[in-house]
Every structure is written in structure tokens, then in C-alpha cells.
């Protein structure tokens, strides 16, 4: 059995209409798709995000589930959600992990690879 049967894909979007660059507020949304590649259902129990802005200011975010849910994902199925973050700089990164639980109660971490948050044109 795979120790991590979960694949995580991320899409990001700069939210110019919700940003205030004059106040150092840059809003981004991120859409996460969690795919269960395993043979048994898994439940997303909690999350840990590490958010870094371009000034190396770090925010650690811990919480139960995502968007108020602790979804159970059946084998061969996906769960997609969208959330957001506001940075003090026009560029930053996020990374982290979901703590997942199998039907037998055993737990595993599903790592979320670092991804870039950047206003259009900020990165060449």
C-alpha cells in the first residue's frame, strides 16, 4: 500500500479587484484539487500552510479540514476547493501538508509542494 495515495494540484489567480497595492495588500485565490489515487477512502482531517512573502515574512496556518469541511474522498475521486490569501508583497509562496486519515484510522501527511503567488508581470 502506498504511504501517500493522494495527488495535489494547485491553480492560483491574482485578485486585482480585491487588492490594494497602495496599502501593501495583494489578494490571491488558489484552487486545490486533491485526487485519491489509492484503493480506499481517505478523509482530510487538518491542514498546515507555510506562507512566505517576498520580504521573507512567514505565516503558519493550522486548522481543521478546509473551507469548513473534512471531506472524505473515495478511491478514484477528487475534491476541489478554492480559498484565498492576502500578502504584503506582490510575490510570495505557499506550501504545506494535509493530514489525512484512512478507514482503519491510520494517519498520513499529504505534502503540498511549494507554489508561487505573483501578480501578472512580477516574474519574468
Protein backbone atom coordinates (compact mmCIF):
# COMPACT_ATOMS: atom_id res chain seq x y z
CA UNK A 1 0.00 0.00 0.00
CA UNK A 2 1.25 3.45 -0.87
CA UNK A 3 2.01 5.61 2.13
CA UNK A 4 0.58 8.65 0.31
CA UNK A 5 -2.09 7.77 -2.26
CA UNK A 6 -3.02 11.44 -2.73
CA UNK A 7 -2.12 13.78 -5.59
CA UNK A 8 -2.49 17.53 -5.07
CA UNK A 9 -2.72 20.07 -7.91
CA UNK A 10 -2.86 23.85 -7.43
CA UNK A 11 -4.02 26.74 -9.63
CA UNK A 12 -3.55 30.34 -8.50
CA UNK A 13 -5.09 33.65 -9.52
CA UNK A 14 -4.25 37.24 -8.64
CA UNK A 15 -7.38 39.08 -7.49
CA UNK A 16 -6.72 42.62 -8.63
CA UNK A 17 -10.21 43.80 -7.73
CA UNK A 18 -9.71 42.70 -4.10
CA UNK A 19 -6.13 44.01 -3.81
CA UNK A 20 -4.91 47.38 -2.55
CA UNK A 21 -1.31 47.74 -3.75
CA UNK A 22 -1.25 51.28 -2.32
CA UNK A 23 -1.75 49.67 1.10
CA UNK A 24 0.51 46.68 0.50
CA UNK A 25 -2.38 44.23 0.16
CA UNK A 26 -2.19 41.69 -2.67
CA UNK A 27 -5.05 39.19 -2.78
CA UNK A 28 -4.75 35.77 -4.40
CA UNK A 29 -7.03 32.80 -4.74
CA UNK A 30 -5.84 29.24 -5.00
CA UNK A 31 -7.83 26.27 -6.21
CA UNK A 32 -6.73 22.90 -4.90
CA UNK A 33 -7.69 19.55 -6.40
CA UNK A 34 -6.99 16.55 -4.17
CA UNK A 35 -7.12 13.24 -6.02
CA UNK A 36 -7.34 9.89 -4.24
CA UNK A 37 -5.11 7.54 -6.26
CA UNK A 38 -5.36 4.78 -3.65
CA UNK A 39 -7.72 1.85 -3.12
CA UNK A 40 -9.55 3.07 -0.01
CA UNK A 41 -11.34 6.26 1.04
CA UNK A 42 -9.31 8.95 2.80
CA UNK A 43 -10.53 11.85 4.92
CA UNK A 44 -8.83 15.24 5.09
CA UNK A 45 -8.56 15.94 8.83
CA UNK A 46 -6.41 19.08 9.05
CA UNK A 47 -4.09 21.42 7.18
CA UNK A 48 -0.81 23.23 7.76
CA UNK A 49 0.22 26.05 5.45
CA UNK A 50 3.53 27.92 5.39
CA UNK A 51 3.02 31.25 3.61
CA UNK A 52 6.04 33.41 2.75
CA UNK A 53 6.01 36.84 1.18
CA UNK A 54 8.87 38.42 -0.76
CA UNK A 55 10.21 40.01 2.46
CA UNK A 56 10.52 36.50 3.97
CA UNK A 57 7.67 37.23 6.39
CA UNK A 58 6.34 33.80 7.36
CA UNK A 59 2.80 32.88 8.35
CA UNK A 60 1.97 29.40 9.64
CA UNK A 61 -1.70 28.46 9.36
CA UNK A 62 -3.08 25.37 11.09
CA UNK A 63 -6.68 24.28 11.11
CA UNK A 64 -9.23 21.53 10.88
CA UNK A 65 -10.22 20.50 7.36
CA UNK A 66 -10.52 23.03 4.55
CA UNK A 67 -13.22 25.64 3.93
CA UNK A 68 -15.15 24.31 6.93
CA UNK A 69 -15.20 20.74 5.65
CA UNK A 70 -13.39 17.48 6.39
CA UNK A 71 -14.10 15.75 3.08
CA UNK A 72 -13.86 12.01 2.58
CA UNK A 73 -12.53 11.24 -0.90
CA UNK A 74 -13.39 7.89 -2.42
CA UNK A 75 -10.81 5.94 -4.46
CA UNK A 76 -10.54 7.39 -7.96
CA UNK A 77 -12.33 10.61 -6.97
CA UNK A 78 -11.29 14.22 -6.45
CA UNK A 79 -12.17 17.02 -4.08
CA UNK A 80 -11.70 20.59 -5.32
CA UNK A 81 -11.99 23.80 -3.33
CA UNK A 82 -10.97 27.43 -3.65
CA UNK A 83 -9.64 29.65 -0.89
CA UNK A 84 -7.57 32.80 -0.68
CA UNK A 85 -4.74 34.66 0.97
CA UNK A 86 -3.60 38.29 1.19
CA UNK A 87 0.12 39.04 1.04
CA UNK A 88 2.02 42.22 1.92
CA UNK A 89 4.13 41.89 -1.25
CA UNK A 90 3.24 41.24 -4.91
CA UNK A 91 5.05 37.88 -4.87
CA UNK A 92 5.07 35.03 -2.37
CA UNK A 93 4.87 31.28 -1.95
CA UNK A 94 2.74 28.74 -0.15
CA UNK A 95 3.44 25.14 0.78
CA UNK A 96 2.29 22.74 3.42
CA UNK A 97 0.54 19.45 4.11
CA UNK A 98 -2.83 17.90 4.71
CA UNK A 99 -3.19 15.35 7.47
CA UNK A 100 -5.24 12.50 6.05
CA UNK A 101 -6.91 9.52 7.73
CA UNK A 102 -7.55 6.09 6.25
CA UNK A 103 -10.61 3.96 7.05
CA UNK A 104 -8.56 1.91 9.54
CA UNK A 105 -7.78 5.10 11.47
CA UNK A 106 -4.13 5.33 10.45
CA UNK A 107 -2.90 8.79 9.53
CA UNK A 108 -0.52 10.12 6.90
CA UNK A 109 0.65 13.52 5.66
CA UNK A 110 -0.01 14.54 2.06
CA UNK A 111 2.62 17.20 1.24
CA UNK A 112 1.66 20.26 -0.79
CA UNK A 113 4.63 21.30 -2.93
CA UNK A 114 5.59 24.99 -2.90
CA UNK A 115 3.63 27.12 -5.34
CA UNK A 116 4.05 30.71 -6.46
CA UNK A 117 1.68 33.58 -5.85
CA UNK A 118 2.56 36.53 -8.09
CA UNK A 119 0.85 39.48 -9.72
CA UNK A 120 0.97 39.36 -13.54
CA UNK A 121 4.32 40.57 -14.84
CA UNK A 122 6.08 40.30 -11.47
CA UNK A 123 8.11 37.27 -12.57
CA UNK A 124 9.74 37.11 -16.00
